Amino acid sequence: MADDTIPAETPVLVLADDPAPQVRRLTLNRPGKRNALSNGLRTQLFAELRRADADPEVRVIVIRGAGPCFSAGYDLAQDPDEPLPWGITRADGGWARHVLQGWFEMMDLATPVIAQVHGFCLAGGTELATACDLVYVAEDAQIGYPPVRSMSSPDMAWHVWLLGMRRAMEAMLTGDSMTGTEAVEAGFANRAFPADRLEEEVLTIAARVAKVPPDLQALNKRVVHRAMEAMGMRDGMRATADINALGFHQRSSREYFAQFAKGVTTALSERDKQFGDYRESGST
């Protein structure tokens, strides 16, 4: 378990507020970096999640992103001096198992967690949303896992479990994104709303979830997770996390990381320009 004590001088990377009775809202607060999931942000996020889960006045947790998007994924320009949120093994594949540990911890919280997704929800951002219990999206959100084009398979391979075999295969073999509307149709999200109504609709749903007593809600949540575990979801995700480690040893991945010497933005643009999407689509 990580130390939840955050030094006072540390930048506030996750904002916490209570927008409605019994609802704790956590806002990823790196808008200039598209809410990239740095070690520092993840440390603060899990500290706030644990704090909310232990608070008897909180019955629902909402996670959203500040600025133009939910999260564009893990921070590929991570500050090397920023400590990890918890320990990581030096064994090959340690990174993927490390992040998977966090997503499983979110699933095991007693308190229901809702993802409020707008704009980009990419790579590690999709993993964060997957770890939530309910996912509501803006109709024009962009949800995808572009690192499969150049880096490796996912740290958390949620695709088969949420999309089914054929849609998962297409997502894995192209790295293409879904709109929010398409994500609902595919099974990634619960419902899609116009972007200007998303926050209002999420708070309305959160208020309904909060009406159920928390002792029963913890069991209701556990029913779904236990059923998915019985079907092998967590074992499957652990197995595919180990495949992620193999990707980083492939020639294509090594060549891609060599491009990072030119800058992360340049490398990402090189990756996506032949597809004409993500950074190369004209979207911000």
C-alpha atoms as a PDB file:
ATOM      1  CA  MET A   1       0.000   0.000   0.000  1.00  0.00           C
ATOM      2  CA  ALA A   2       1.349   3.411  -0.964  1.00  0.00           C
ATOM      3  CA  ASP A   3       1.804   6.227   1.523  1.00  0.00           C
ATOM      4  CA  ASP A   4      -1.191   8.547   1.101  1.00  0.00           C
ATOM      5  CA  THR A   5       0.626  11.513   2.665  1.00  0.00           C
ATOM      6  CA  ILE A   6       1.370  14.104  -0.034  1.00  0.00           C
ATOM      7  CA  PRO A   7       3.879  16.884   0.797  1.00  0.00           C
ATOM      8  CA  ALA A   8       2.309  20.345   0.916  1.00  0.00           C
ATOM      9  CA  GLU A   9       4.641  21.704  -1.785  1.00  0.00           C
ATOM     10  CA  THR A  10       3.567  19.051  -4.307  1.00  0.00           C
ATOM     11  CA  PRO A  11       1.482  20.429  -7.218  1.00  0.00           C
ATOM     12  CA  VAL A  12      -2.195  19.524  -6.949  1.00  0.00           C
ATOM     13  CA  LEU A  13      -2.650  17.093  -9.824  1.00  0.00           C
ATOM     14  CA  VAL A  14      -6.047  15.785  -8.686  1.00  0.00           C
ATOM     15  CA  LEU A  15      -8.760  18.156  -7.485  1.00  0.00           C
ATOM     16  CA  ALA A  16     -11.410  16.830  -5.105  1.00  0.00           C
ATOM     17  CA  ASP A  17     -14.837  18.362  -4.537  1.00  0.00           C
ATOM     18  CA  ASP A  18     -18.357  17.308  -3.531  1.00  0.00           C
ATOM     19  CA  PRO A  19     -20.700  18.576  -6.281  1.00  0.00           C
ATOM     20  CA  ALA A  20     -23.768  16.877  -4.829  1.00  0.00           C
ATOM     21  CA  PRO A  21     -24.714  15.136  -1.574  1.00  0.00           C
ATOM     22  CA  GLN A  22     -22.729  11.907  -1.056  1.00  0.00           C
ATOM     23  CA  VAL A  23     -20.846  12.383  -4.356  1.00  0.00           C
ATOM     24  CA  ARG A  24     -17.055  12.881  -4.357  1.00  0.00           C
ATOM     25  CA  ARG A  25     -15.654  14.146  -7.654  1.00  0.00           C
ATOM     26  CA  LEU A  26     -11.983  13.760  -8.599  1.00  0.00           C
ATOM     27  CA  THR A  27     -10.674  15.888 -11.469  1.00  0.00           C
ATOM     28  CA  LEU A  28      -7.396  15.025 -13.183  1.00  0.00           C
ATOM     29  CA  ASN A  29      -5.609  18.369 -13.174  1.00  0.00           C
ATOM     30  CA  ARG A  30      -2.917  18.386 -15.867  1.00  0.00           C
ATOM     31  CA  PRO A  31      -4.903  20.034 -18.685  1.00  0.00           C
ATOM     32  CA  GLY A  32      -1.791  21.378 -20.404  1.00  0.00           C
ATOM     33  CA  LYS A  33      -0.519  17.780 -20.676  1.00  0.00           C
ATOM     34  CA  ARG A  34      -3.911  16.350 -21.677  1.00  0.00           C
ATOM     35  CA  ASN A  35      -4.082  14.838 -18.188  1.00  0.00           C
ATOM     36  CA  ALA A  36      -1.253  12.424 -18.923  1.00  0.00           C
ATOM     37  CA  LEU A  37      -1.027   9.831 -16.165  1.00  0.00           C
ATOM     38  CA  SER A  38       2.288  10.693 -14.558  1.00  0.00           C
ATOM     39  CA  ASN A  39       3.535   8.904 -11.465  1.00  0.00           C
ATOM     40  CA  GLY A  40       2.630  11.959  -9.413  1.00  0.00           C
ATOM     41  CA  LEU A  41      -0.900  12.158 -10.770  1.00  0.00           C
ATOM     42  CA  ARG A  42      -1.500   8.454 -10.196  1.00  0.00           C
ATOM     43  CA  THR A  43      -0.139   8.741  -6.646  1.00  0.00           C
ATOM     44  CA  GLN A  44      -2.555  11.547  -5.843  1.00  0.00           C
ATOM     45  CA  LEU A  45      -5.455   9.854  -7.617  1.00  0.00           C
ATOM     46  CA  PHE A  46      -5.132   6.668  -5.587  1.00  0.00           C
ATOM     47  CA  ALA A  47      -4.700   8.636  -2.370  1.00  0.00           C
ATOM     48  CA  GLU A  48      -7.974  10.440  -3.099  1.00  0.00           C
ATOM     49  CA  LEU A  49      -9.744   7.233  -4.105  1.00  0.00           C
ATOM     50  CA  ARG A  50      -8.747   5.534  -0.855  1.00  0.00           C
ATOM     51  CA  ARG A  51      -9.771   8.605   1.126  1.00  0.00           C
ATOM     52  CA  ALA A  52     -13.190   8.705  -0.535  1.00  0.00           C
ATOM     53  CA  ASP A  53     -13.717   4.967  -0.134  1.00  0.00           C
ATOM     54  CA  ALA A  54     -13.076   5.289   3.614  1.00  0.00           C
ATOM     55  CA  ASP A  55     -15.406   8.293   4.022  1.00  0.00           C
ATOM     56  CA  PRO A  56     -18.869   7.221   5.290  1.00  0.00           C
ATOM     57  CA  GLU A  57     -20.362  10.365   3.727  1.00  0.00           C
ATOM     58  CA  VAL A  58     -19.286   9.336   0.212  1.00  0.00           C
ATOM     59  CA  ARG A  59     -21.464   6.875  -1.711  1.00  0.00           C
ATOM     60  CA  VAL A  60     -20.272   7.541  -5.262  1.00  0.00           C
ATOM     61  CA  ILE A  61     -16.969   8.686  -6.801  1.00  0.00           C
ATOM     62  CA  VAL A  62     -16.794  10.471 -10.168  1.00  0.00           C
ATOM     63  CA  ILE A  63     -13.530  10.780 -12.117  1.00  0.00           C
ATOM     64  CA  ARG A  64     -13.198  13.355 -14.889  1.00  0.00           C
ATOM     65  CA  GLY A  65     -10.464  15.360 -16.630  1.00  0.00           C
ATOM     66  CA  ALA A  66      -9.830  19.107 -16.571  1.00  0.00           C
ATOM     67  CA  GLY A  67      -9.454  20.984 -19.834  1.00  0.00           C
ATOM     68  CA  PRO A  68      -9.904  19.495 -23.314  1.00  0.00           C
ATOM     69  CA  CYS A  69      -9.961  15.782 -22.485  1.00  0.00           C
ATOM     70  CA  PHE A  70     -10.299  12.956 -19.970  1.00  0.00           C
ATOM     71  CA  SER A  71      -6.759  11.578 -20.389  1.00  0.00           C
ATOM     72  CA  ALA A  72      -4.441  10.989 -23.341  1.00  0.00           C
ATOM     73  CA  GLY A  73      -2.738   8.104 -21.517  1.00  0.00           C
ATOM     74  CA  TYR A  74       0.454   7.499 -19.584  1.00  0.00           C
ATOM     75  CA  ASP A  75       3.024  10.281 -19.454  1.00  0.00           C
ATOM     76  CA  LEU A  76       5.612   9.440 -22.117  1.00  0.00           C
ATOM     77  CA  ALA A  77       7.795  12.324 -20.917  1.00  0.00           C
ATOM     78  CA  GLN A  78       7.694  11.240 -17.294  1.00  0.00           C
ATOM     79  CA  ASP A  79       9.858  13.120 -14.809  1.00  0.00           C
ATOM     80  CA  PRO A  80      12.357  10.413 -13.741  1.00  0.00           C
ATOM     81  CA  ASP A  81      12.577  11.920 -10.251  1.00  0.00           C
ATOM     82  CA  GLU A  82       8.849  11.497  -9.605  1.00  0.00           C
ATOM     83  CA  PRO A  83       8.376   8.398  -7.423  1.00  0.00           C
ATOM     84  CA  LEU A  84       6.052   5.608  -8.443  1.00  0.00           C
ATOM     85  CA  PRO A  85       2.753   5.324  -6.551  1.00  0.00           C
ATOM     86  CA  TRP A  86       3.813   1.902  -5.245  1.00  0.00           C
ATOM     87  CA  GLY A  87       6.667  -0.532  -5.679  1.00  0.00           C
ATOM     88  CA  ILE A  88       7.503  -2.158  -8.982  1.00  0.00           C
ATOM     89  CA  THR A  89       9.446  -5.337  -9.642  1.00  0.00           C
ATOM     90  CA  ARG A  90      12.568  -5.132 -11.782  1.00  0.00           C
ATOM     91  CA  ALA A  91      11.549  -8.317 -13.546  1.00  0.00           C
ATOM     92  CA  ASP A  92      10.633  -8.058 -17.205  1.00  0.00           C
ATOM     93  CA  GLY A  93       7.010  -6.912 -17.544  1.00  0.00           C
ATOM     94  CA  GLY A  94       7.036  -5.177 -14.170  1.00  0.00           C
ATOM     95  CA  TRP A  95       5.493  -1.959 -15.534  1.00  0.00           C
ATOM     96  CA  ALA A  96       2.364  -3.627 -16.896  1.00  0.00           C
ATOM     97  CA  ARG A  97       1.854  -5.683 -13.748  1.00  0.00           C
ATOM     98  CA  HIS A  98       2.422  -2.518 -11.721  1.00  0.00           C
ATOM     99  CA  VAL A  99      -0.344  -0.531 -13.421  1.00  0.00           C
ATOM    100  CA  LEU A 100      -2.672  -3.536 -13.501  1.00  0.00           C
ATOM    101  CA  GLN A 101      -2.344  -3.770  -9.715  1.00  0.00           C
ATOM    102  CA  GLY A 102      -3.739  -0.247  -9.458  1.00  0.00           C
ATOM    103  CA  TRP A 103      -6.658  -0.864 -11.791  1.00  0.00           C
ATOM    104  CA  PHE A 104      -7.602  -3.999  -9.860  1.00  0.00           C
ATOM    105  CA  GLU A 105      -7.453  -2.010  -6.635  1.00  0.00           C
ATOM    106  CA  MET A 106      -9.993   0.416  -8.099  1.00  0.00           C
ATOM    107  CA  MET A 107     -12.279  -2.469  -9.004  1.00  0.00           C
ATOM    108  CA  ASP A 108     -12.040  -3.719  -5.422  1.00  0.00           C
ATOM    109  CA  LEU A 109     -13.121  -0.446  -3.819  1.00  0.00           C
ATOM    110  CA  ALA A 110     -16.439  -0.742  -1.997  1.00  0.00           C
ATOM    111  CA  THR A 111     -17.637   2.582  -3.409  1.00  0.00           C
ATOM    112  CA  PRO A 112     -18.976   2.717  -6.995  1.00  0.00           C
ATOM    113  CA  VAL A 113     -16.744   4.742  -9.348  1.00  0.00           C
ATOM    114  CA  ILE A 114     -18.024   6.578 -12.425  1.00  0.00           C
ATOM    115  CA  ALA A 115     -15.841   7.750 -15.336  1.00  0.00           C
ATOM    116  CA  GLN A 116     -16.972  10.995 -17.006  1.00  0.00           C
ATOM    117  CA  VAL A 117     -15.182  10.932 -20.364  1.00  0.00           C
ATOM    118  CA  HIS A 118     -14.809  13.761 -22.852  1.00  0.00           C
ATOM    119  CA  GLY A 119     -12.264  14.478 -25.559  1.00  0.00           C
ATOM    120  CA  PHE A 120      -9.346  12.086 -25.831  1.00  0.00           C
ATOM    121  CA  CYS A 121      -9.468   8.894 -23.761  1.00  0.00           C
ATOM    122  CA  LEU A 122      -6.416   7.051 -25.022  1.00  0.00           C
ATOM    123  CA  ALA A 123      -4.181   4.150 -23.973  1.00  0.00           C
ATOM    124  CA  GLY A 124      -3.727   4.402 -20.182  1.00  0.00           C
ATOM    125  CA  GLY A 125      -6.760   6.693 -20.111  1.00  0.00           C
ATOM    126  CA  THR A 126      -8.902   3.841 -21.436  1.00  0.00           C
ATOM    127  CA  GLU A 127      -7.469   1.625 -18.689  1.00  0.00           C
ATOM    128  CA  LEU A 128      -8.481   4.161 -16.047  1.00  0.00           C
ATOM    129  CA  ALA A 129     -11.997   4.302 -17.481  1.00  0.00           C
ATOM    130  CA  THR A 130     -12.171   0.493 -17.639  1.00  0.00           C
ATOM    131  CA  ALA A 131     -11.283   0.260 -13.952  1.00  0.00           C
ATOM    132  CA  CYS A 132     -14.331   2.393 -13.147  1.00  0.00           C
ATOM    133  CA  ASP A 133     -17.703   0.719 -12.613  1.00  0.00           C
ATOM    134  CA  LEU A 134     -19.748   2.954 -14.899  1.00  0.00           C
ATOM    135  CA  VAL A 135     -18.559   4.923 -17.932  1.00  0.00           C
ATOM    136  CA  TYR A 136     -20.452   7.859 -19.451  1.00  0.00           C
ATOM    137  CA  VAL A 137     -19.001   9.619 -22.459  1.00  0.00           C
ATOM    138  CA  ALA A 138     -19.429  12.681 -24.619  1.00  0.00           C
ATOM    139  CA  GLU A 139     -20.782  11.714 -28.011  1.00  0.00           C
ATOM    140  CA  ASP A 140     -17.716  13.189 -29.729  1.00  0.00           C
ATOM    141  CA  ALA A 141     -15.122  11.672 -27.382  1.00  0.00           C
ATOM    142  CA  GLN A 142     -12.211   9.809 -29.017  1.00  0.00           C
ATOM    143  CA  ILE A 143     -11.473   6.488 -27.319  1.00  0.00           C
ATOM    144  CA  GLY A 144      -8.634   4.285 -28.511  1.00  0.00           C
ATOM    145  CA  TYR A 145      -5.304   2.565 -27.921  1.00  0.00           C
ATOM    146  CA  PRO A 146      -2.848   3.941 -30.518  1.00  0.00           C
ATOM    147  CA  PRO A 147       0.350   2.519 -28.893  1.00  0.00           C
ATOM    148  CA  VAL A 148      -0.442  -0.868 -30.498  1.00  0.00           C
ATOM    149  CA  ARG A 149       0.749   0.700 -33.765  1.00  0.00           C
ATOM    150  CA  SER A 150       4.310   1.270 -32.660  1.00  0.00           C
ATOM    151  CA  MET A 151       5.083   0.345 -29.057  1.00  0.00           C
ATOM    152  CA  SER A 152       3.454  -2.824 -27.745  1.00  0.00           C
ATOM    153  CA  SER A 153       0.171  -4.467 -26.894  1.00  0.00           C
ATOM    154  CA  PRO A 154      -1.819  -2.913 -23.996  1.00  0.00           C
ATOM    155  CA  ASP A 155      -0.747  -2.912 -20.360  1.00  0.00           C
ATOM    156  CA  MET A 156      -4.366  -3.735 -19.521  1.00  0.00           C
ATOM    157  CA  ALA A 157      -5.979  -5.600 -22.407  1.00  0.00           C
ATOM    158  CA  TRP A 158      -9.601  -4.704 -21.704  1.00  0.00           C
ATOM    159  CA  HIS A 159     -10.618  -4.980 -25.333  1.00  0.00           C
ATOM    160  CA  VAL A 160     -11.837  -8.589 -25.572  1.00  0.00           C
ATOM    161  CA  TRP A 161     -13.664  -8.379 -22.239  1.00  0.00           C
ATOM    162  CA  LEU A 162     -15.629  -5.266 -23.149  1.00  0.00           C
ATOM    163  CA  LEU A 163     -15.864  -5.387 -26.954  1.00  0.00           C
ATOM    164  CA  GLY A 164     -15.943  -9.092 -27.839  1.00  0.00           C
ATOM    165  CA  MET A 165     -13.561 -10.900 -30.163  1.00  0.00           C
ATOM    166  CA  ARG A 166     -14.208  -9.235 -33.527  1.00  0.00           C
ATOM    167  CA  ARG A 167     -14.350  -5.622 -32.348  1.00  0.00           C
ATOM    168  CA  ALA A 168     -11.368  -6.244 -30.079  1.00  0.00           C
ATOM    169  CA  MET A 169      -9.370  -7.674 -32.953  1.00  0.00           C
ATOM    170  CA  GLU A 170     -10.130  -4.678 -35.159  1.00  0.00           C
ATOM    171  CA  ALA A 171      -9.158  -2.261 -32.372  1.00  0.00           C
ATOM    172  CA  MET A 172      -5.903  -4.143 -31.716  1.00  0.00           C
ATOM    173  CA  LEU A 173      -4.911  -4.476 -35.387  1.00  0.00           C
ATOM    174  CA  THR A 174      -5.594  -0.838 -36.331  1.00  0.00           C
ATOM    175  CA  GLY A 175      -5.215   1.241 -33.156  1.00  0.00           C
ATOM    176  CA  ASP A 176      -8.195   3.249 -34.423  1.00  0.00           C
ATOM    177  CA  SER A 177     -10.407   5.211 -32.058  1.00  0.00           C
ATOM    178  CA  MET A 178     -14.132   5.045 -31.385  1.00  0.00           C
ATOM    179  CA  THR A 179     -16.388   8.022 -30.886  1.00  0.00           C
ATOM    180  CA  GLY A 180     -18.360   8.126 -27.663  1.00  0.00           C
ATOM    181  CA  THR A 181     -21.458   6.994 -29.540  1.00  0.00           C
ATOM    182  CA  GLU A 182     -19.566   4.066 -31.060  1.00  0.00           C
ATOM    183  CA  ALA A 183     -18.084   3.187 -27.661  1.00  0.00           C
ATOM    184  CA  VAL A 184     -21.580   2.720 -26.230  1.00  0.00           C
ATOM    185  CA  GLU A 185     -22.611   0.545 -29.171  1.00  0.00           C
ATOM    186  CA  ALA A 186     -19.433  -1.533 -28.774  1.00  0.00           C
ATOM    187  CA  GLY A 187     -19.870  -2.046 -25.024  1.00  0.00           C
ATOM    188  CA  PHE A 188     -17.053   0.131 -23.668  1.00  0.00           C
ATOM    189  CA  ALA A 189     -19.383   2.752 -22.188  1.00  0.00           C
ATOM    190  CA  ASN A 190     -22.861   2.846 -20.693  1.00  0.00           C
ATOM    191  CA  ARG A 191     -24.319   5.906 -22.420  1.00  0.00           C
ATOM    192  CA  ALA A 192     -23.247   8.868 -24.527  1.00  0.00           C
ATOM    193  CA  PHE A 193     -24.479  12.437 -24.155  1.00  0.00           C
ATOM    194  CA  PRO A 194     -23.829  15.726 -25.958  1.00  0.00           C
ATOM    195  CA  ALA A 195     -20.634  17.184 -24.507  1.00  0.00           C
ATOM    196  CA  ASP A 196     -22.428  20.194 -23.031  1.00  0.00           C
ATOM    197  CA  ARG A 197     -24.807  17.910 -21.107  1.00  0.00           C
ATOM    198  CA  LEU A 198     -22.327  15.275 -19.960  1.00  0.00           C
ATOM    199  CA  GLU A 199     -21.576  16.690 -16.506  1.00  0.00           C
ATOM    200  CA  GLU A 200     -25.245  17.282 -15.675  1.00  0.00           C
ATOM    201  CA  GLU A 201     -26.226  13.775 -16.790  1.00  0.00           C
ATOM    202  CA  VAL A 202     -23.377  12.135 -14.851  1.00  0.00           C
ATOM    203  CA  LEU A 203     -24.366  13.915 -11.642  1.00  0.00           C
ATOM    204  CA  THR A 204     -27.982  12.848 -12.164  1.00  0.00           C
ATOM    205  CA  ILE A 205     -26.902   9.206 -12.493  1.00  0.00           C
ATOM    206  CA  ALA A 206     -24.526   9.526  -9.526  1.00  0.00           C
ATOM    207  CA  ALA A 207     -27.406  10.794  -7.395  1.00  0.00           C
ATOM    208  CA  ARG A 208     -29.461   7.716  -8.325  1.00  0.00           C
ATOM    209  CA  VAL A 209     -26.581   5.372  -7.466  1.00  0.00           C
ATOM    210  CA  ALA A 210     -26.188   7.152  -4.120  1.00  0.00           C
ATOM    211  CA  LYS A 211     -29.771   6.337  -3.138  1.00  0.00           C
ATOM    212  CA  VAL A 212     -28.842   2.665  -2.548  1.00  0.00           C
ATOM    213  CA  PRO A 213     -27.339   2.037   0.921  1.00  0.00           C
ATOM    214  CA  PRO A 214     -23.542   1.621   0.668  1.00  0.00           C
ATOM    215  CA  ASP A 215     -23.426  -1.741   2.431  1.00  0.00           C
ATOM    216  CA  LEU A 216     -25.716  -3.199  -0.241  1.00  0.00           C
ATOM    217  CA  GLN A 217     -24.020  -1.288  -3.041  1.00  0.00           C
ATOM    218  CA  ALA A 218     -20.661  -2.825  -2.156  1.00  0.00           C
ATOM    219  CA  LEU A 219     -22.209  -6.270  -2.605  1.00  0.00           C
ATOM    220  CA  ASN A 220     -23.993  -5.281  -5.813  1.00  0.00           C
ATOM    221  CA  LYS A 221     -20.688  -4.113  -7.266  1.00  0.00           C
ATOM    222  CA  ARG A 222     -18.914  -7.260  -6.120  1.00  0.00           C
ATOM    223  CA  VAL A 223     -21.474  -9.488  -7.874  1.00  0.00           C
ATOM    224  CA  VAL A 224     -20.464  -8.150 -11.273  1.00  0.00           C
ATOM    225  CA  HIS A 225     -16.735  -8.325 -10.587  1.00  0.00           C
ATOM    226  CA  ARG A 226     -16.919 -11.837  -9.149  1.00  0.00           C
ATOM    227  CA  ALA A 227     -18.841 -13.028 -12.205  1.00  0.00           C
ATOM    228  CA  MET A 228     -16.208 -11.519 -14.516  1.00  0.00           C
ATOM    229  CA  GLU A 229     -13.460 -13.105 -12.431  1.00  0.00           C
ATOM    230  CA  ALA A 230     -15.196 -16.487 -12.671  1.00  0.00           C
ATOM    231  CA  MET A 231     -15.044 -16.084 -16.458  1.00  0.00           C
ATOM    232  CA  GLY A 232     -11.308 -15.457 -16.168  1.00  0.00           C
ATOM    233  CA  MET A 233     -11.099 -11.693 -16.678  1.00  0.00           C
ATOM    234  CA  ARG A 234      -8.331 -10.946 -14.162  1.00  0.00           C
ATOM    235  CA  ASP A 235      -6.267 -14.004 -15.093  1.00  0.00           C
ATOM    236  CA  GLY A 236      -6.670 -13.074 -18.757  1.00  0.00           C
ATOM    237  CA  MET A 237      -5.567  -9.496 -18.129  1.00  0.00           C
ATOM    238  CA  ARG A 238      -2.549 -10.692 -16.154  1.00  0.00           C
ATOM    239  CA  ALA A 239      -1.577 -13.066 -18.966  1.00  0.00           C
ATOM    240  CA  THR A 240      -1.851 -10.388 -21.639  1.00  0.00           C
ATOM    241  CA  ALA A 241       0.041  -7.916 -19.445  1.00  0.00           C
ATOM    242  CA  ASP A 242       3.016 -10.262 -19.711  1.00  0.00           C
ATOM    243  CA  ILE A 243       2.694 -10.206 -23.520  1.00  0.00           C
ATOM    244  CA  ASN A 244       3.012  -6.416 -23.268  1.00  0.00           C
ATOM    245  CA  ALA A 245       6.591  -6.912 -22.064  1.00  0.00           C
ATOM    246  CA  LEU A 246       7.484  -8.852 -25.212  1.00  0.00           C
ATOM    247  CA  GLY A 247       6.512  -5.907 -27.383  1.00  0.00           C
ATOM    248  CA  PHE A 248       9.252  -3.683 -26.022  1.00  0.00           C
ATOM    249  CA  HIS A 249      11.877  -6.186 -27.219  1.00  0.00           C
ATOM    250  CA  GLN A 250      10.678  -6.094 -30.836  1.00  0.00           C
ATOM    251  CA  ARG A 251      12.705  -4.205 -33.434  1.00  0.00           C
ATOM    252  CA  SER A 252       9.775  -1.950 -34.359  1.00  0.00           C
ATOM    253  CA  SER A 253       9.294  -0.894 -30.760  1.00  0.00           C
ATOM    254  CA  ARG A 254      13.009  -0.224 -30.236  1.00  0.00           C
ATOM    255  CA  GLU A 255      13.091   1.902 -33.387  1.00  0.00           C
ATOM    256  CA  TYR A 256      10.022   3.823 -32.212  1.00  0.00           C
ATOM    257  CA  PHE A 257      11.586   4.617 -28.845  1.00  0.00           C
ATOM    258  CA  ALA A 258      14.716   5.792 -30.634  1.00  0.00           C
ATOM    259  CA  GLN A 259      12.541   8.448 -32.301  1.00  0.00           C
ATOM    260  CA  PHE A 260      11.777   9.859 -28.854  1.00  0.00           C
ATOM    261  CA  ALA A 261      15.198  11.534 -29.023  1.00  0.00           C
ATOM    262  CA  LYS A 262      13.553  13.916 -31.514  1.00  0.00           C
ATOM    263  CA  GLY A 263      10.786  14.619 -29.003  1.00  0.00           C
ATOM    264  CA  VAL A 264       7.647  12.814 -27.885  1.00  0.00           C
ATOM    265  CA  THR A 265       5.310  14.959 -29.985  1.00  0.00           C
ATOM    266  CA  THR A 266       7.340  14.312 -33.126  1.00  0.00           C
ATOM    267  CA  ALA A 267       7.343  10.567 -32.483  1.00  0.00           C
ATOM    268  CA  LEU A 268       3.584  10.492 -31.926  1.00  0.00           C
ATOM    269  CA  SER A 269       2.948  12.501 -35.079  1.00  0.00           C
ATOM    270  CA  GLU A 270       5.180  10.141 -37.072  1.00  0.00           C
ATOM    271  CA  ARG A 271       3.178   7.230 -35.713  1.00  0.00           C
ATOM    272  CA  ASP A 272      -0.224   8.619 -36.641  1.00  0.00           C
ATOM    273  CA  LYS A 273       0.319  10.631 -39.825  1.00  0.00           C
ATOM    274  CA  GLN A 274      -0.152   7.655 -42.151  1.00  0.00           C
ATOM    275  CA  PHE A 275      -3.480   6.966 -40.428  1.00  0.00           C
ATOM    276  CA  GLY A 276      -4.552  10.620 -40.436  1.00  0.00           C
ATOM    277  CA  ASP A 277      -5.980  10.546 -36.925  1.00  0.00           C
ATOM    278  CA  TYR A 278      -5.282  11.542 -33.296  1.00  0.00           C
ATOM    279  CA  ARG A 279      -2.727  14.404 -33.409  1.00  0.00           C
ATOM    280  CA  GLU A 280      -2.743  14.329 -37.217  1.00  0.00           C
ATOM    281  CA  SER A 281      -6.521  14.674 -37.595  1.00  0.00           C
ATOM    282  CA  GLY A 282      -6.580  18.404 -36.886  1.00  0.00           C
ATOM    283  CA  SER A 283      -8.213  17.811 -33.467  1.00  0.00           C
ATOM    284  CA  THR A 284      -6.574  19.369 -30.414  1.00  0.00           C
END
